[in-house]
Amino acid sequence: MKKGFIALGLLTVLWSCGSSQKTAASTVQSQVLEKLVEQKSFQIVSEWAQPMNTNAMNSIASSGLLLPGNSGSNISLIANPNYLKMKGDSVAAYLPYFGERQLSGGYGIGSAIEFKGLPDKLEVSQNIKKETYTIVFTIKEKSEVYQVTVTLFNSLASHVTINSSQRNFIRYIGKVSELSKEGDGLQ
C-alpha cells in the first residue's frame, strides 16, 4: 500500500511538471503570435489545401490523379511553394488552387490564387476565450475579388479561408511565422 502511494505521488509530480512545460511553451507562442499580429508583419506557409468537396473533386481523387495520401478534400502542399504575407496594411499571396472555377479567368490568368496590394475592409480581432486572432479582408486582383479570413492560433497554426468571385471556396492549413527580412514581396 505504501508503494502505491509513493508511485501515485511520483506520477502526480511528473504530471504537473509536464503540464507546466506545456503552459510555458504555449505562453511563449502566445507572446510571439501577439507580437506578429500587433506589428502586422508575418508570413503563413500552408501544408494542406482543403478545397470544397464536390463531385468533380471526388472524380479526380477516384481517378488516381492525386498523389497517395491526398483526397478530393485534403491535398498536401508539402514541396509546393506557397505563402500569404502581411506587412503593415499590405498583403500578398501565392496559393495553389484546387477546385472548380466558375468563371473564366481570361488569357494569362494562372490557376493559383495570387494577389498583392492594399486590401479593402481590413479588420483584426482577438478571441481571448478561444486564444485566436482573426484577420478579415477583401482584395481585388485583375477581374477577381477574394474575401479572405485568416485565423491564427496560439500554437502558431493558421487557417486561411478564401471565397472568390470566380472559384469555389478553399481553406489552407499551415503555420504562421515571422516575415523574412529579405524578399518579403510587399515593397
Protein backbone atom coordinates (compact mmCIF):
# COMPACT_ATOMS: atom_id res chain seq x y z
CA MET A 1 0.00 0.00 0.00
CA LYS A 2 2.89 2.33 0.85
CA LYS A 3 4.46 1.65 -2.57
CA GLY A 4 1.15 2.56 -4.21
CA PHE A 5 1.09 5.97 -2.51
CA ILE A 6 4.72 6.62 -3.47
CA ALA A 7 4.02 5.67 -7.10
CA LEU A 8 0.91 7.89 -7.15
CA GLY A 9 2.87 10.80 -5.67
CA LEU A 10 5.67 10.36 -8.20
CA LEU A 11 3.16 10.20 -11.05
CA THR A 12 1.48 13.39 -9.80
CA VAL A 13 4.82 15.23 -9.69
CA LEU A 14 5.72 14.09 -13.21
CA TRP A 15 2.29 15.07 -14.50
CA SER A 16 2.47 18.56 -13.00
CA CYS A 17 5.99 19.10 -14.40
CA GLY A 18 4.84 18.12 -17.88
CA SER A 19 1.81 20.40 -17.78
CA SER A 20 3.88 23.40 -16.60
CA GLN A 21 6.24 22.91 -19.55
CA LYS A 22 3.29 22.90 -21.94
CA THR A 23 1.92 26.05 -20.31
CA ALA A 24 5.30 27.79 -20.57
CA ALA A 25 5.63 26.79 -24.23
CA SER A 26 2.12 27.95 -25.07
CA THR A 27 2.73 31.25 -23.23
CA VAL A 28 5.86 31.89 -25.31
CA GLN A 29 3.98 31.03 -28.52
CA SER A 30 1.11 33.28 -27.43
CA GLN A 31 3.54 36.18 -26.94
CA VAL A 32 5.15 35.52 -30.33
CA LEU A 33 1.73 35.49 -32.01
CA GLU A 34 0.65 38.67 -30.23
CA LYS A 35 3.81 40.44 -31.44
CA LEU A 36 3.33 39.25 -35.04
CA VAL A 37 -0.29 40.43 -35.12
CA GLU A 38 0.42 43.76 -33.38
CA GLN A 39 3.19 44.56 -35.86
CA LYS A 40 1.14 43.21 -38.78
CA SER A 41 4.31 41.54 -40.00
CA PHE A 42 4.10 37.80 -40.64
CA GLN A 43 4.01 35.07 -43.24
CA ILE A 44 1.99 31.91 -43.50
CA VAL A 45 3.19 28.81 -45.29
CA SER A 46 0.44 26.25 -45.77
CA GLU A 47 0.87 22.49 -45.51
CA TRP A 48 -2.63 21.46 -46.65
CA ALA A 49 -5.24 22.74 -49.09
CA GLN A 50 -8.84 21.80 -48.40
CA PRO A 51 -10.96 22.53 -51.47
CA MET A 52 -14.73 22.39 -51.43
CA ASN A 53 -15.79 18.75 -51.65
CA THR A 54 -17.62 18.48 -54.97
CA ASN A 55 -18.41 15.66 -57.38
CA ALA A 56 -15.69 16.92 -59.71
CA MET A 57 -13.04 16.84 -56.96
CA ASN A 58 -14.19 13.38 -55.89
CA SER A 59 -13.93 12.21 -59.52
CA ILE A 60 -10.36 13.49 -59.73
CA ALA A 61 -9.49 11.72 -56.48
CA SER A 62 -11.11 8.48 -57.69
CA SER A 63 -9.26 8.61 -60.99
CA GLY A 64 -5.87 8.33 -59.26
CA LEU A 65 -4.62 11.74 -60.40
CA LEU A 66 -3.81 12.80 -56.84
CA LEU A 67 -0.73 11.56 -55.02
CA PRO A 68 -1.14 8.90 -52.31
CA GLY A 69 -2.37 10.35 -49.02
CA ASN A 70 -4.44 13.04 -50.73
CA SER A 71 -8.18 13.13 -51.22
CA GLY A 72 -10.60 15.36 -53.09
CA SER A 73 -10.99 17.49 -49.97
CA ASN A 74 -7.47 17.38 -48.45
CA ILE A 75 -4.37 17.93 -50.59
CA SER A 76 -0.79 18.11 -49.30
CA LEU A 77 1.16 21.24 -50.21
CA ILE A 78 4.49 19.96 -48.92
CA ALA A 79 7.13 20.85 -51.56
CA ASN A 80 4.68 23.25 -53.28
CA PRO A 81 5.73 26.89 -52.93
CA ASN A 82 3.00 28.96 -51.28
CA TYR A 83 2.62 31.92 -48.95
CA LEU A 84 0.38 34.58 -47.55
CA LYS A 85 2.33 37.59 -46.26
CA MET A 86 1.26 40.67 -44.36
CA LYS A 87 3.39 43.74 -43.73
CA GLY A 88 1.63 46.76 -42.33
CA ASP A 89 -1.58 47.16 -44.29
CA SER A 90 -0.24 45.36 -47.39
CA VAL A 91 -0.88 41.72 -48.20
CA ALA A 92 0.48 39.33 -50.82
CA ALA A 93 -0.34 35.72 -51.57
CA TYR A 94 0.54 32.88 -53.87
CA LEU A 95 -1.59 29.83 -53.06
CA PRO A 96 -2.02 26.82 -55.38
CA TYR A 97 -5.70 26.40 -56.17
CA PHE A 98 -7.50 23.07 -56.32
CA GLY A 99 -11.18 23.09 -57.12
CA GLU A 100 -13.71 24.34 -59.60
CA ARG A 101 -13.51 27.67 -61.34
CA GLN A 102 -16.96 29.12 -62.04
CA LEU A 103 -15.94 31.86 -64.47
CA SER A 104 -13.12 32.06 -66.96
CA GLY A 105 -10.09 33.88 -65.68
CA GLY A 106 -9.17 35.25 -69.09
CA TYR A 107 -5.95 34.93 -71.04
CA GLY A 108 -2.76 34.77 -68.99
CA ILE A 109 -4.51 34.07 -65.68
CA GLY A 110 -2.84 31.20 -63.81
CA SER A 111 -4.57 28.59 -61.71
CA ALA A 112 -3.10 29.79 -58.40
CA ILE A 113 -4.69 32.37 -56.15
CA GLU A 114 -2.42 35.40 -56.41
CA PHE A 115 -2.84 38.90 -55.07
CA LYS A 116 -0.70 41.77 -53.85
CA GLY A 117 -1.60 45.20 -52.52
CA LEU A 118 -3.74 47.08 -50.04
CA PRO A 119 -6.89 45.19 -49.07
CA ASP A 120 -10.33 46.69 -48.52
CA LYS A 121 -12.07 46.48 -45.16
CA LEU A 122 -9.12 45.05 -43.20
CA GLU A 123 -10.27 44.01 -39.72
CA VAL A 124 -8.23 42.35 -36.95
CA SER A 125 -9.91 40.88 -33.88
CA GLN A 126 -8.90 38.70 -30.95
CA ASN A 127 -10.96 35.96 -29.31
CA ILE A 128 -9.45 35.66 -25.83
CA LYS A 129 -11.56 32.62 -24.91
CA LYS A 130 -10.51 30.62 -27.98
CA GLU A 131 -6.99 32.12 -27.93
CA THR A 132 -7.14 33.14 -31.59
CA TYR A 133 -6.74 36.19 -33.79
CA THR A 134 -8.92 36.66 -36.85
CA ILE A 135 -7.96 38.87 -39.77
CA VAL A 136 -10.61 39.53 -42.41
CA PHE A 137 -10.17 41.47 -45.63
CA THR A 138 -11.30 41.77 -49.23
CA ILE A 139 -8.85 42.27 -52.08
CA LYS A 140 -9.25 42.52 -55.84
CA GLU A 141 -6.71 41.22 -58.34
CA LYS A 142 -7.46 41.81 -62.01
CA SER A 143 -11.07 40.65 -62.52
CA GLU A 144 -11.32 38.50 -59.38
CA VAL A 145 -12.37 39.53 -55.87
CA TYR A 146 -11.20 37.49 -52.86
CA GLN A 147 -12.77 37.50 -49.41
CA VAL A 148 -10.05 36.25 -47.08
CA THR A 149 -10.36 35.12 -43.46
CA VAL A 150 -7.14 34.29 -41.62
CA THR A 151 -7.39 32.58 -38.23
CA LEU A 152 -4.19 32.42 -36.19
CA PHE A 153 -3.97 30.10 -33.20
CA ASN A 154 -1.69 30.38 -30.12
CA SER A 155 0.06 27.19 -31.32
CA LEU A 156 1.16 29.27 -34.35
CA ALA A 157 -1.12 27.18 -36.58
CA SER A 158 -3.16 29.00 -39.20
CA HIS A 159 -6.32 28.58 -41.25
CA VAL A 160 -6.72 30.72 -44.35
CA THR A 161 -10.19 30.62 -45.89
CA ILE A 162 -10.76 32.15 -49.31
CA ASN A 163 -14.05 32.85 -51.04
CA SER A 164 -13.67 34.05 -54.60
CA SER A 165 -15.92 35.76 -57.11
CA GLN A 166 -14.89 33.15 -59.72
CA ARG A 167 -13.94 29.97 -57.85
CA ASN A 168 -15.29 27.62 -55.22
CA PHE A 169 -14.33 28.06 -51.57
CA ILE A 170 -10.96 26.72 -50.35
CA ARG A 171 -9.17 26.54 -46.98
CA TYR A 172 -5.43 26.32 -46.32
CA ILE A 173 -3.95 24.86 -43.13
CA GLY A 174 -0.42 25.89 -42.18
CA LYS A 175 1.91 27.74 -39.82
CA VAL A 176 2.47 31.41 -39.15
CA SER A 177 5.96 32.79 -38.58
CA GLU A 178 7.97 35.99 -38.62
CA LEU A 179 8.23 37.66 -42.01
CA SER A 180 11.63 37.03 -43.58
CA LYS A 181 13.75 40.17 -43.85
CA GLU A 182 14.87 39.76 -47.44
CA GLY A 183 12.43 39.42 -50.27
CA ASP A 184 9.19 39.89 -48.36
CA GLY A 185 7.49 40.66 -51.67
CA LEU A 186 5.46 43.57 -50.28
CA GLN A 187 7.55 46.64 -51.01
